[in-house]
Amino acid sequence: MAERVAIILAAGVSSRMNTQQPKVLHEVCGRSMLAYVLDACRAAEVGKIYVVAGYGAEQVKSQFDGGDIVWVHQDQQRGTGHAVLCCKDYLKDFNGQTLVLCGDGPLIRAQTLRILAAKHDSEAAATTLATAILEEPGGYGRIIRDSYGNIQGIVEDHECTEVQKKIREVNPSYYLFDNQVLFEALSKITCENAKNEYYLTDALSIILSSGRKVVAVTAVRPEEAMSINSRADLSRVGKIMQQRIQEKLMANGVTIVDPDNTWIEAGAQIGQDTQIEPFTYVQGEVKIGMRCNVGPFAYLKRGTILPDDSQAGADITNCGQGNP
């Protein structure tokens, strides 16, 4: 198996979020969105991770420890292609495979990255994309295939014809490149476009035109395609992540009486046969033992530890009764 590294694009400002905080540090269920992407890469056996930071770079770096992370600075945000090019000095002699992912997509799964890598290897491709099928593909680049199913390119949403807009297979920006092919193509892209930026998709077009093999595998679940560009997106992604957290806990033997009225952040550890009652909020790294009963109306702060057979929650049986 070829050695594999990842480049994570995390330099954006995100004016639509109306924030002074670096975009990738905004939290989803108690963890920064970038943390989820890093975890997915590690679970998919990525050896080294190059994180391209720009706005608030020092603040971003201060939040993460890890000998597998190499921090790369992007002074000016001039597009996705330019961000990847910032890694050239680090990877110019690397002959393995390079994942390119976005740091604002916390719903990414390691299993999707494994499928992407397996497709790349089995097809002996120069570039492989993981794509998604969406009922409402507006806003995403469309995957163009020929009558045999071979990928012909990506057309950005604002450039699509009326026919192309009906295509439901989209590009959620999960890429795997042979590293030398990637940087050879990046050396040829230009910024001759409306935004005066360098686009990674232009590198893909160059690779296709060179005759090298480019394939796409439809492996990204619709919710995984969601990136975060607004506070509304942050809320929607949080609800999906909350469902994942609760489903994993329930599969491990935890009873959650009313999932819609319960919030459990990432990092919480809850033992078998514990019951979580409605209107409970578990904040971050909380340890709850086995056979506990938590709630209703419980708030467990980060760092709380409940031993086995504990109870925690509001006792309102005497509310408003006063003394005789």
C-alpha atoms as a PDB file:
ATOM      1  CA  MET A   1       0.000   0.000   0.000  1.00  0.00           C
ATOM      2  CA  ALA A   2       1.297   3.429  -0.960  1.00  0.00           C
ATOM      3  CA  GLU A   3       2.170   5.879   1.780  1.00  0.00           C
ATOM      4  CA  ARG A   4      -0.630   8.401   2.222  1.00  0.00           C
ATOM      5  CA  VAL A   5      -0.704  11.944   3.609  1.00  0.00           C
ATOM      6  CA  ALA A   6      -3.486  14.507   3.834  1.00  0.00           C
ATOM      7  CA  ILE A   7      -3.781  18.217   3.154  1.00  0.00           C
ATOM      8  CA  ILE A   8      -6.603  19.891   5.076  1.00  0.00           C
ATOM      9  CA  LEU A   9      -7.693  23.334   3.905  1.00  0.00           C
ATOM     10  CA  ALA A  10      -8.398  25.394   7.028  1.00  0.00           C
ATOM     11  CA  ALA A  11      -7.388  28.958   6.191  1.00  0.00           C
ATOM     12  CA  GLY A  12     -10.778  30.514   5.458  1.00  0.00           C
ATOM     13  CA  VAL A  13     -12.292  33.556   7.166  1.00  0.00           C
ATOM     14  CA  SER A  14     -16.014  32.852   6.538  1.00  0.00           C
ATOM     15  CA  SER A  15     -17.579  36.294   6.345  1.00  0.00           C
ATOM     16  CA  ARG A  16     -21.031  34.666   6.180  1.00  0.00           C
ATOM     17  CA  MET A  17     -20.628  33.392   9.737  1.00  0.00           C
ATOM     18  CA  ASN A  18     -20.072  36.973  10.951  1.00  0.00           C
ATOM     19  CA  THR A  19     -17.332  35.921  13.375  1.00  0.00           C
ATOM     20  CA  GLN A  20     -13.909  36.969  14.598  1.00  0.00           C
ATOM     21  CA  GLN A  21     -13.055  33.368  15.448  1.00  0.00           C
ATOM     22  CA  PRO A  22     -11.298  31.162  12.865  1.00  0.00           C
ATOM     23  CA  LYS A  23     -14.003  29.243  11.057  1.00  0.00           C
ATOM     24  CA  VAL A  24     -12.630  25.759  11.749  1.00  0.00           C
ATOM     25  CA  LEU A  25     -12.604  26.375  15.523  1.00  0.00           C
ATOM     26  CA  HIS A  26     -16.376  26.757  15.737  1.00  0.00           C
ATOM     27  CA  GLU A  27     -17.712  23.809  17.698  1.00  0.00           C
ATOM     28  CA  VAL A  28     -20.061  21.018  16.703  1.00  0.00           C
ATOM     29  CA  CYS A  29     -21.331  19.130  19.752  1.00  0.00           C
ATOM     30  CA  GLY A  30     -18.490  20.410  21.896  1.00  0.00           C
ATOM     31  CA  ARG A  31     -15.573  19.856  19.491  1.00  0.00           C
ATOM     32  CA  SER A  32     -14.119  22.072  16.802  1.00  0.00           C
ATOM     33  CA  MET A  33     -15.067  21.109  13.275  1.00  0.00           C
ATOM     34  CA  LEU A  34     -11.394  20.679  12.355  1.00  0.00           C
ATOM     35  CA  ALA A  35     -10.950  18.070  15.116  1.00  0.00           C
ATOM     36  CA  TYR A  36     -13.448  15.764  13.408  1.00  0.00           C
ATOM     37  CA  VAL A  37     -11.599  15.964  10.081  1.00  0.00           C
ATOM     38  CA  LEU A  38      -8.269  15.222  11.777  1.00  0.00           C
ATOM     39  CA  ASP A  39      -9.798  12.196  13.528  1.00  0.00           C
ATOM     40  CA  ALA A  40     -11.201  10.824  10.265  1.00  0.00           C
ATOM     41  CA  CYS A  41      -7.791  11.079   8.594  1.00  0.00           C
ATOM     42  CA  ARG A  42      -6.088   9.283  11.472  1.00  0.00           C
ATOM     43  CA  ALA A  43      -8.703   6.519  11.521  1.00  0.00           C
ATOM     44  CA  ALA A  44      -8.149   6.077   7.776  1.00  0.00           C
ATOM     45  CA  GLU A  45      -4.429   5.436   8.397  1.00  0.00           C
ATOM     46  CA  VAL A  46      -3.111   8.726   7.048  1.00  0.00           C
ATOM     47  CA  GLY A  47       0.518   9.081   8.080  1.00  0.00           C
ATOM     48  CA  LYS A  48       1.033  12.844   8.182  1.00  0.00           C
ATOM     49  CA  ILE A  49      -1.456  15.693   8.006  1.00  0.00           C
ATOM     50  CA  TYR A  50      -0.635  19.092   6.514  1.00  0.00           C
ATOM     51  CA  VAL A  51      -3.069  21.706   7.810  1.00  0.00           C
ATOM     52  CA  VAL A  52      -3.150  24.895   5.766  1.00  0.00           C
ATOM     53  CA  ALA A  53      -4.026  27.741   8.133  1.00  0.00           C
ATOM     54  CA  GLY A  54      -4.371  31.444   7.437  1.00  0.00           C
ATOM     55  CA  TYR A  55      -6.785  33.660   9.312  1.00  0.00           C
ATOM     56  CA  GLY A  56      -6.153  33.210  13.052  1.00  0.00           C
ATOM     57  CA  ALA A  57      -3.441  30.635  12.352  1.00  0.00           C
ATOM     58  CA  GLU A  58      -1.796  30.903  15.775  1.00  0.00           C
ATOM     59  CA  GLN A  59      -5.148  30.489  17.500  1.00  0.00           C
ATOM     60  CA  VAL A  60      -5.889  27.398  15.407  1.00  0.00           C
ATOM     61  CA  LYS A  61      -2.462  25.877  16.096  1.00  0.00           C
ATOM     62  CA  SER A  62      -2.802  26.425  19.827  1.00  0.00           C
ATOM     63  CA  GLN A  63      -5.866  24.167  19.965  1.00  0.00           C
ATOM     64  CA  PHE A  64      -4.186  21.038  18.621  1.00  0.00           C
ATOM     65  CA  ASP A  65      -1.418  18.730  19.717  1.00  0.00           C
ATOM     66  CA  GLY A  66      -0.089  15.995  17.547  1.00  0.00           C
ATOM     67  CA  GLY A  67       3.231  14.930  16.096  1.00  0.00           C
ATOM     68  CA  ASP A  68       1.467  13.970  12.876  1.00  0.00           C
ATOM     69  CA  ILE A  69       0.385  17.567  12.117  1.00  0.00           C
ATOM     70  CA  VAL A  70       2.491  19.890   9.967  1.00  0.00           C
ATOM     71  CA  TRP A  71       1.259  23.481   9.978  1.00  0.00           C
ATOM     72  CA  VAL A  72       1.426  25.332   6.662  1.00  0.00           C
ATOM     73  CA  HIS A  73       0.697  29.050   6.471  1.00  0.00           C
ATOM     74  CA  GLN A  74      -1.300  30.641   3.658  1.00  0.00           C
ATOM     75  CA  ASP A  75      -0.649  34.387   3.774  1.00  0.00           C
ATOM     76  CA  GLN A  76      -3.358  35.294   1.279  1.00  0.00           C
ATOM     77  CA  GLN A  77      -6.483  33.275   0.581  1.00  0.00           C
ATOM     78  CA  ARG A  78      -6.333  32.928  -3.189  1.00  0.00           C
ATOM     79  CA  GLY A  79      -8.372  29.799  -3.746  1.00  0.00           C
ATOM     80  CA  THR A  80      -8.192  26.084  -3.091  1.00  0.00           C
ATOM     81  CA  GLY A  81      -5.459  25.488  -5.651  1.00  0.00           C
ATOM     82  CA  HIS A  82      -3.280  28.161  -4.068  1.00  0.00           C
ATOM     83  CA  ALA A  83      -3.849  26.641  -0.599  1.00  0.00           C
ATOM     84  CA  VAL A  84      -2.616  23.242  -1.766  1.00  0.00           C
ATOM     85  CA  LEU A  85       0.346  24.862  -3.534  1.00  0.00           C
ATOM     86  CA  CYS A  86       1.448  26.256  -0.170  1.00  0.00           C
ATOM     87  CA  CYS A  87       2.409  22.662   0.707  1.00  0.00           C
ATOM     88  CA  LYS A  88       4.712  22.226  -2.293  1.00  0.00           C
ATOM     89  CA  ASP A  89       7.985  22.709  -0.423  1.00  0.00           C
ATOM     90  CA  TYR A  90       6.967  20.050   2.082  1.00  0.00           C
ATOM     91  CA  LEU A  91       5.799  17.470  -0.470  1.00  0.00           C
ATOM     92  CA  LYS A  92       7.879  18.080  -3.595  1.00  0.00           C
ATOM     93  CA  ASP A  93       9.846  14.855  -3.086  1.00  0.00           C
ATOM     94  CA  PHE A  94       6.963  12.743  -1.789  1.00  0.00           C
ATOM     95  CA  ASN A  95       5.997   9.863  -4.097  1.00  0.00           C
ATOM     96  CA  GLY A  96       2.912   8.567  -2.340  1.00  0.00           C
ATOM     97  CA  GLN A  97      -0.752   9.589  -2.300  1.00  0.00           C
ATOM     98  CA  THR A  98      -2.199  12.880  -1.092  1.00  0.00           C
ATOM     99  CA  LEU A  99      -5.718  13.365   0.233  1.00  0.00           C
ATOM    100  CA  VAL A 100      -7.103  16.883  -0.077  1.00  0.00           C
ATOM    101  CA  LEU A 101     -10.007  17.712   2.229  1.00  0.00           C
ATOM    102  CA  CYS A 102     -11.761  20.749   3.668  1.00  0.00           C
ATOM    103  CA  GLY A 103     -11.533  21.585   7.360  1.00  0.00           C
ATOM    104  CA  ASP A 104     -15.143  22.797   7.534  1.00  0.00           C
ATOM    105  CA  GLY A 105     -16.757  19.406   6.888  1.00  0.00           C
ATOM    106  CA  PRO A 106     -16.979  17.720  10.318  1.00  0.00           C
ATOM    107  CA  LEU A 107     -19.472  15.060   9.179  1.00  0.00           C
ATOM    108  CA  ILE A 108     -16.730  13.283   7.240  1.00  0.00           C
ATOM    109  CA  ARG A 109     -16.366   9.556   8.047  1.00  0.00           C
ATOM    110  CA  ALA A 110     -13.176   7.516   8.036  1.00  0.00           C
ATOM    111  CA  GLN A 111     -15.045   4.744   6.201  1.00  0.00           C
ATOM    112  CA  THR A 112     -15.615   7.084   3.256  1.00  0.00           C
ATOM    113  CA  LEU A 113     -11.894   7.829   3.076  1.00  0.00           C
ATOM    114  CA  ARG A 114     -11.138   4.104   3.138  1.00  0.00           C
ATOM    115  CA  ILE A 115     -13.530   3.511   0.225  1.00  0.00           C
ATOM    116  CA  LEU A 116     -11.902   6.377  -1.664  1.00  0.00           C
ATOM    117  CA  ALA A 117      -8.421   4.916  -1.105  1.00  0.00           C
ATOM    118  CA  ALA A 118      -9.509   1.399  -2.084  1.00  0.00           C
ATOM    119  CA  LYS A 119     -11.017   2.682  -5.336  1.00  0.00           C
ATOM    120  CA  HIS A 120      -7.866   4.663  -6.113  1.00  0.00           C
ATOM    121  CA  ASP A 121      -5.667   1.606  -5.596  1.00  0.00           C
ATOM    122  CA  SER A 122      -7.882  -0.876  -7.425  1.00  0.00           C
ATOM    123  CA  GLU A 123      -8.172   1.393 -10.468  1.00  0.00           C
ATOM    124  CA  ALA A 124      -4.492   2.421 -10.437  1.00  0.00           C
ATOM    125  CA  ALA A 125      -5.797   5.963 -10.900  1.00  0.00           C
ATOM    126  CA  ALA A 126      -3.868   9.214 -10.920  1.00  0.00           C
ATOM    127  CA  THR A 127      -6.774  10.957  -9.197  1.00  0.00           C
ATOM    128  CA  THR A 128      -9.905   9.687  -7.481  1.00  0.00           C
ATOM    129  CA  LEU A 129     -12.897  11.680  -6.259  1.00  0.00           C
ATOM    130  CA  ALA A 130     -15.498  10.601  -3.732  1.00  0.00           C
ATOM    131  CA  THR A 131     -18.851  11.998  -4.838  1.00  0.00           C
ATOM    132  CA  ALA A 132     -22.348  12.316  -3.415  1.00  0.00           C
ATOM    133  CA  ILE A 133     -25.859  12.024  -4.861  1.00  0.00           C
ATOM    134  CA  LEU A 134     -28.109  14.831  -3.599  1.00  0.00           C
ATOM    135  CA  GLU A 135     -31.816  15.421  -4.047  1.00  0.00           C
ATOM    136  CA  GLU A 136     -31.100  19.161  -4.122  1.00  0.00           C
ATOM    137  CA  PRO A 137     -27.638  19.629  -5.671  1.00  0.00           C
ATOM    138  CA  GLY A 138     -27.785  23.427  -5.949  1.00  0.00           C
ATOM    139  CA  GLY A 139     -24.566  25.134  -4.896  1.00  0.00           C
ATOM    140  CA  TYR A 140     -22.315  22.148  -5.620  1.00  0.00           C
ATOM    141  CA  GLY A 141     -20.102  21.426  -8.602  1.00  0.00           C
ATOM    142  CA  ARG A 142     -21.661  18.760 -10.835  1.00  0.00           C
ATOM    143  CA  ILE A 143     -19.820  15.603 -11.868  1.00  0.00           C
ATOM    144  CA  ILE A 144     -19.825  15.235 -15.651  1.00  0.00           C
ATOM    145  CA  ARG A 145     -19.551  11.694 -17.000  1.00  0.00           C
ATOM    146  CA  ASP A 146     -19.642  10.321 -20.522  1.00  0.00           C
ATOM    147  CA  SER A 147     -22.049   7.641 -21.741  1.00  0.00           C
ATOM    148  CA  TYR A 148     -19.698   4.951 -20.402  1.00  0.00           C
ATOM    149  CA  GLY A 149     -19.611   6.472 -16.926  1.00  0.00           C
ATOM    150  CA  ASN A 150     -16.111   7.872 -17.236  1.00  0.00           C
ATOM    151  CA  ILE A 151     -15.582  11.184 -15.486  1.00  0.00           C
ATOM    152  CA  GLN A 152     -15.124  14.111 -17.851  1.00  0.00           C
ATOM    153  CA  GLY A 153     -14.826  16.951 -15.367  1.00  0.00           C
ATOM    154  CA  ILE A 154     -16.541  19.126 -12.793  1.00  0.00           C
ATOM    155  CA  VAL A 155     -18.723  22.120 -13.647  1.00  0.00           C
ATOM    156  CA  GLU A 156     -19.293  24.651 -10.880  1.00  0.00           C
ATOM    157  CA  ASP A 157     -22.905  25.383 -10.033  1.00  0.00           C
ATOM    158  CA  HIS A 158     -22.887  28.963 -11.375  1.00  0.00           C
ATOM    159  CA  GLU A 159     -21.443  27.748 -14.690  1.00  0.00           C
ATOM    160  CA  CYS A 160     -23.906  24.883 -15.264  1.00  0.00           C
ATOM    161  CA  THR A 161     -26.256  24.796 -18.222  1.00  0.00           C
ATOM    162  CA  GLU A 162     -29.910  24.072 -17.507  1.00  0.00           C
ATOM    163  CA  VAL A 163     -29.290  20.433 -18.406  1.00  0.00           C
ATOM    164  CA  GLN A 164     -26.227  20.176 -16.148  1.00  0.00           C
ATOM    165  CA  LYS A 165     -28.112  21.694 -13.227  1.00  0.00           C
ATOM    166  CA  LYS A 166     -30.291  18.575 -13.217  1.00  0.00           C
ATOM    167  CA  ILE A 167     -27.280  16.350 -12.493  1.00  0.00           C
ATOM    168  CA  ARG A 168     -27.531  15.072  -8.912  1.00  0.00           C
ATOM    169  CA  GLU A 169     -23.986  13.692  -8.573  1.00  0.00           C
ATOM    170  CA  VAL A 170     -21.877  16.414  -6.959  1.00  0.00           C
ATOM    171  CA  ASN A 171     -18.355  17.151  -5.820  1.00  0.00           C
ATOM    172  CA  PRO A 172     -18.145  17.516  -2.000  1.00  0.00           C
ATOM    173  CA  SER A 173     -14.346  18.035  -2.211  1.00  0.00           C
ATOM    174  CA  TYR A 174     -12.960  14.628  -1.227  1.00  0.00           C
ATOM    175  CA  TYR A 175      -9.887  14.141  -3.419  1.00  0.00           C
ATOM    176  CA  LEU A 176      -7.094  11.578  -3.557  1.00  0.00           C
ATOM    177  CA  PHE A 177      -4.156  12.298  -5.877  1.00  0.00           C
ATOM    178  CA  ASP A 178      -0.875  10.685  -6.749  1.00  0.00           C
ATOM    179  CA  ASN A 179       1.224  13.408  -5.192  1.00  0.00           C
ATOM    180  CA  GLN A 180       3.609  14.081  -8.068  1.00  0.00           C
ATOM    181  CA  VAL A 181       0.702  14.263 -10.524  1.00  0.00           C
ATOM    182  CA  LEU A 182      -1.053  16.754  -8.253  1.00  0.00           C
ATOM    183  CA  PHE A 183       1.804  19.231  -8.004  1.00  0.00           C
ATOM    184  CA  GLU A 184       2.700  18.899 -11.671  1.00  0.00           C
ATOM    185  CA  ALA A 185      -0.877  19.936 -12.544  1.00  0.00           C
ATOM    186  CA  LEU A 186      -0.939  22.714  -9.933  1.00  0.00           C
ATOM    187  CA  SER A 187       2.151  24.254 -11.527  1.00  0.00           C
ATOM    188  CA  LYS A 188       0.059  24.831 -14.674  1.00  0.00           C
ATOM    189  CA  ILE A 189      -3.120  26.387 -13.276  1.00  0.00           C
ATOM    190  CA  THR A 190      -3.849  30.087 -13.650  1.00  0.00           C
ATOM    191  CA  CYS A 191      -6.063  32.612 -11.884  1.00  0.00           C
ATOM    192  CA  GLU A 192      -7.815  33.816 -15.019  1.00  0.00           C
ATOM    193  CA  ASN A 193     -11.328  33.766 -13.642  1.00  0.00           C
ATOM    194  CA  ALA A 194     -13.888  36.108 -12.116  1.00  0.00           C
ATOM    195  CA  LYS A 195     -12.441  35.799  -8.600  1.00  0.00           C
ATOM    196  CA  ASN A 196      -8.782  35.918  -9.638  1.00  0.00           C
ATOM    197  CA  GLU A 197      -8.182  32.725  -7.660  1.00  0.00           C
ATOM    198  CA  TYR A 198      -6.425  29.404  -8.254  1.00  0.00           C
ATOM    199  CA  TYR A 199      -8.891  26.510  -8.224  1.00  0.00           C
ATOM    200  CA  LEU A 200      -8.075  22.902  -7.384  1.00  0.00           C
ATOM    201  CA  THR A 201     -10.709  21.785  -9.894  1.00  0.00           C
ATOM    202  CA  ASP A 202      -8.586  23.404 -12.633  1.00  0.00           C
ATOM    203  CA  ALA A 203      -5.772  21.021 -11.685  1.00  0.00           C
ATOM    204  CA  LEU A 204      -8.228  18.159 -12.105  1.00  0.00           C
ATOM    205  CA  SER A 205      -9.051  19.395 -15.627  1.00  0.00           C
ATOM    206  CA  ILE A 206      -5.350  19.479 -16.470  1.00  0.00           C
ATOM    207  CA  ILE A 207      -4.884  15.911 -15.213  1.00  0.00           C
ATOM    208  CA  LEU A 208      -7.825  14.755 -17.345  1.00  0.00           C
ATOM    209  CA  SER A 209      -6.535  16.522 -20.460  1.00  0.00           C
ATOM    210  CA  SER A 210      -3.107  14.897 -19.991  1.00  0.00           C
ATOM    211  CA  GLY A 211      -4.716  11.494 -20.486  1.00  0.00           C
ATOM    212  CA  ARG A 212      -4.090  10.253 -16.958  1.00  0.00           C
ATOM    213  CA  LYS A 213      -6.754   8.137 -15.320  1.00  0.00           C
ATOM    214  CA  VAL A 214      -9.313   9.973 -13.170  1.00  0.00           C
ATOM    215  CA  VAL A 215     -12.135   8.049 -11.495  1.00  0.00           C
ATOM    216  CA  ALA A 216     -14.982   8.881  -9.149  1.00  0.00           C
ATOM    217  CA  VAL A 217     -16.686   6.681  -6.569  1.00  0.00           C
ATOM    218  CA  THR A 218     -20.077   7.593  -5.154  1.00  0.00           C
ATOM    219  CA  ALA A 219     -19.210   7.010  -1.506  1.00  0.00           C
ATOM    220  CA  VAL A 220     -20.205  10.201   0.323  1.00  0.00           C
ATOM    221  CA  ARG A 221     -23.510  10.125   2.187  1.00  0.00           C
ATOM    222  CA  PRO A 222     -25.683  13.185   1.573  1.00  0.00           C
ATOM    223  CA  GLU A 223     -25.147  14.545   5.089  1.00  0.00           C
ATOM    224  CA  GLU A 224     -21.363  14.106   4.765  1.00  0.00           C
ATOM    225  CA  ALA A 225     -21.368  16.501   1.844  1.00  0.00           C
ATOM    226  CA  MET A 226     -22.478  19.340   4.119  1.00  0.00           C
ATOM    227  CA  SER A 227     -19.826  21.939   4.857  1.00  0.00           C
ATOM    228  CA  ILE A 228     -20.376  24.835   7.226  1.00  0.00           C
ATOM    229  CA  ASN A 229     -20.639  28.319   5.756  1.00  0.00           C
ATOM    230  CA  SER A 230     -23.148  29.979   8.090  1.00  0.00           C
ATOM    231  CA  ARG A 231     -24.532  29.813  11.614  1.00  0.00           C
ATOM    232  CA  ALA A 232     -27.587  28.036  10.189  1.00  0.00           C
ATOM    233  CA  ASP A 233     -25.306  25.389   8.663  1.00  0.00           C
ATOM    234  CA  LEU A 234     -23.565  25.024  12.029  1.00  0.00           C
ATOM    235  CA  SER A 235     -26.911  24.300  13.702  1.00  0.00           C
ATOM    236  CA  ARG A 236     -27.994  21.790  11.041  1.00  0.00           C
ATOM    237  CA  VAL A 237     -24.684  19.923  11.179  1.00  0.00           C
ATOM    238  CA  GLY A 238     -24.822  19.904  14.984  1.00  0.00           C
ATOM    239  CA  LYS A 239     -28.165  18.121  14.952  1.00  0.00           C
ATOM    240  CA  ILE A 240     -26.840  15.433  12.608  1.00  0.00           C
ATOM    241  CA  MET A 241     -23.729  14.969  14.743  1.00  0.00           C
ATOM    242  CA  GLN A 242     -25.914  14.769  17.874  1.00  0.00           C
ATOM    243  CA  GLN A 243     -27.913  11.965  16.279  1.00  0.00           C
ATOM    244  CA  ARG A 244     -24.673  10.085  15.523  1.00  0.00           C
ATOM    245  CA  ILE A 245     -23.434  10.498  19.105  1.00  0.00           C
ATOM    246  CA  GLN A 246     -26.712   9.275  20.597  1.00  0.00           C
ATOM    247  CA  GLU A 247     -27.068   6.332  18.209  1.00  0.00           C
ATOM    248  CA  LYS A 248     -23.556   5.144  19.102  1.00  0.00           C
ATOM    249  CA  LEU A 249     -24.321   5.398  22.819  1.00  0.00           C
ATOM    250  CA  MET A 250     -27.602   3.521  22.442  1.00  0.00           C
ATOM    251  CA  ALA A 251     -25.855   0.791  20.442  1.00  0.00           C
ATOM    252  CA  ASN A 252     -23.447   0.447  23.380  1.00  0.00           C
ATOM    253  CA  GLY A 253     -26.241  -0.139  25.881  1.00  0.00           C
ATOM    254  CA  VAL A 254     -27.295   3.339  27.012  1.00  0.00           C
ATOM    255  CA  THR A 255     -31.010   4.192  27.172  1.00  0.00           C
ATOM    256  CA  ILE A 256     -31.904   7.692  25.961  1.00  0.00           C
ATOM    257  CA  VAL A 257     -35.589   8.146  26.723  1.00  0.00           C
ATOM    258  CA  ASP A 258     -36.195  11.212  24.533  1.00  0.00           C
ATOM    259  CA  PRO A 259     -33.377  11.852  22.018  1.00  0.00           C
ATOM    260  CA  ASP A 260     -34.984  15.031  20.676  1.00  0.00           C
ATOM    261  CA  ASN A 261     -34.856  16.642  24.120  1.00  0.00           C
ATOM    262  CA  THR A 262     -31.381  15.436  25.105  1.00  0.00           C
ATOM    263  CA  TRP A 263     -27.987  16.895  24.201  1.00  0.00           C
ATOM    264  CA  ILE A 264     -24.787  14.922  24.735  1.00  0.00           C
ATOM    265  CA  GLU A 265     -21.543  16.406  23.501  1.00  0.00           C
ATOM    266  CA  ALA A 266     -18.670  14.519  21.916  1.00  0.00           C
ATOM    267  CA  GLY A 267     -16.230  13.125  24.461  1.00  0.00           C
ATOM    268  CA  ALA A 268     -18.859  11.965  26.947  1.00  0.00           C
ATOM    269  CA  GLN A 269     -18.399   8.414  28.260  1.00  0.00           C
ATOM    270  CA  ILE A 270     -21.543   6.670  29.482  1.00  0.00           C
ATOM    271  CA  GLY A 271     -21.664   3.157  30.900  1.00  0.00           C
ATOM    272  CA  GLN A 272     -23.932   0.247  30.018  1.00  0.00           C
ATOM    273  CA  ASP A 273     -27.502   0.231  31.381  1.00  0.00           C
ATOM    274  CA  THR A 274     -27.438   3.920  32.279  1.00  0.00           C
ATOM    275  CA  GLN A 275     -30.670   5.767  31.498  1.00  0.00           C
ATOM    276  CA  ILE A 276     -30.706   9.364  30.293  1.00  0.00           C
ATOM    277  CA  GLU A 277     -34.006  11.091  31.011  1.00  0.00           C
ATOM    278  CA  PRO A 278     -35.461  14.011  28.989  1.00  0.00           C
ATOM    279  CA  PHE A 279     -34.083  17.555  29.173  1.00  0.00           C
ATOM    280  CA  THR A 280     -30.551  16.441  30.017  1.00  0.00           C
ATOM    281  CA  TYR A 281     -27.422  18.268  28.814  1.00  0.00           C
ATOM    282  CA  VAL A 282     -24.066  16.470  29.074  1.00  0.00           C
ATOM    283  CA  GLN A 283     -21.243  18.891  28.334  1.00  0.00           C
ATOM    284  CA  GLY A 284     -18.028  17.564  26.845  1.00  0.00           C
ATOM    285  CA  GLU A 285     -15.718  15.174  28.675  1.00  0.00           C
ATOM    286  CA  VAL A 286     -18.087  13.749  31.284  1.00  0.00           C
ATOM    287  CA  LYS A 287     -17.723  10.224  32.684  1.00  0.00           C
ATOM    288  CA  ILE A 288     -20.922   8.465  33.719  1.00  0.00           C
ATOM    289  CA  GLY A 289     -20.704   4.954  35.101  1.00  0.00           C
ATOM    290  CA  MET A 290     -22.922   1.923  34.640  1.00  0.00           C
ATOM    291  CA  ARG A 291     -26.552   1.657  35.799  1.00  0.00           C
ATOM    292  CA  CYS A 292     -26.875   5.383  36.471  1.00  0.00           C
ATOM    293  CA  ASN A 293     -30.022   7.442  36.103  1.00  0.00           C
ATOM    294  CA  VAL A 294     -29.447  10.970  34.794  1.00  0.00           C
ATOM    295  CA  GLY A 295     -32.222  13.535  34.600  1.00  0.00           C
ATOM    296  CA  PRO A 296     -34.766  14.762  33.994  1.00  0.00           C
ATOM    297  CA  PHE A 297     -33.543  18.361  33.868  1.00  0.00           C
ATOM    298  CA  ALA A 298     -29.892  17.465  34.508  1.00  0.00           C
ATOM    299  CA  TYR A 299     -26.880  19.568  33.504  1.00  0.00           C
ATOM    300  CA  LEU A 300     -23.554  17.761  33.835  1.00  0.00           C
ATOM    301  CA  LYS A 301     -20.677  20.171  33.341  1.00  0.00           C
ATOM    302  CA  ARG A 302     -17.463  19.262  31.557  1.00  0.00           C
ATOM    303  CA  GLY A 303     -15.256  17.189  33.866  1.00  0.00           C
ATOM    304  CA  THR A 304     -18.115  15.689  35.926  1.00  0.00           C
ATOM    305  CA  ILE A 305     -17.609  12.077  37.035  1.00  0.00           C
ATOM    306  CA  LEU A 306     -20.547   9.927  38.167  1.00  0.00           C
ATOM    307  CA  PRO A 307     -19.656   6.520  39.634  1.00  0.00           C
ATOM    308  CA  ASP A 308     -21.691   3.392  38.930  1.00  0.00           C
ATOM    309  CA  ASP A 309     -25.272   3.343  40.243  1.00  0.00           C
ATOM    310  CA  SER A 310     -25.454   7.132  40.671  1.00  0.00           C
ATOM    311  CA  GLN A 311     -28.455   9.397  40.209  1.00  0.00           C
ATOM    312  CA  ALA A 312     -28.355  12.998  39.007  1.00  0.00           C
ATOM    313  CA  GLY A 313     -31.259  15.278  38.152  1.00  0.00           C
ATOM    314  CA  ALA A 314     -33.816  17.771  39.396  1.00  0.00           C
ATOM    315  CA  ASP A 315     -36.043  16.692  42.254  1.00  0.00           C
ATOM    316  CA  ILE A 316     -39.172  18.847  41.904  1.00  0.00           C
ATOM    317  CA  THR A 317     -41.575  16.703  43.942  1.00  0.00           C
ATOM    318  CA  ASN A 318     -41.858  19.380  46.671  1.00  0.00           C
ATOM    319  CA  CYS A 319     -41.826  22.411  44.381  1.00  0.00           C
ATOM    320  CA  GLY A 320     -44.072  25.221  45.743  1.00  0.00           C
ATOM    321  CA  GLN A 321     -45.271  23.326  48.828  1.00  0.00           C
ATOM    322  CA  GLY A 322     -43.564  25.410  51.549  1.00  0.00           C
ATOM    323  CA  ASN A 323     -43.764  24.619  55.293  1.00  0.00           C
ATOM    324  CA  PRO A 324     -47.131  24.053  57.035  1.00  0.00           C
END
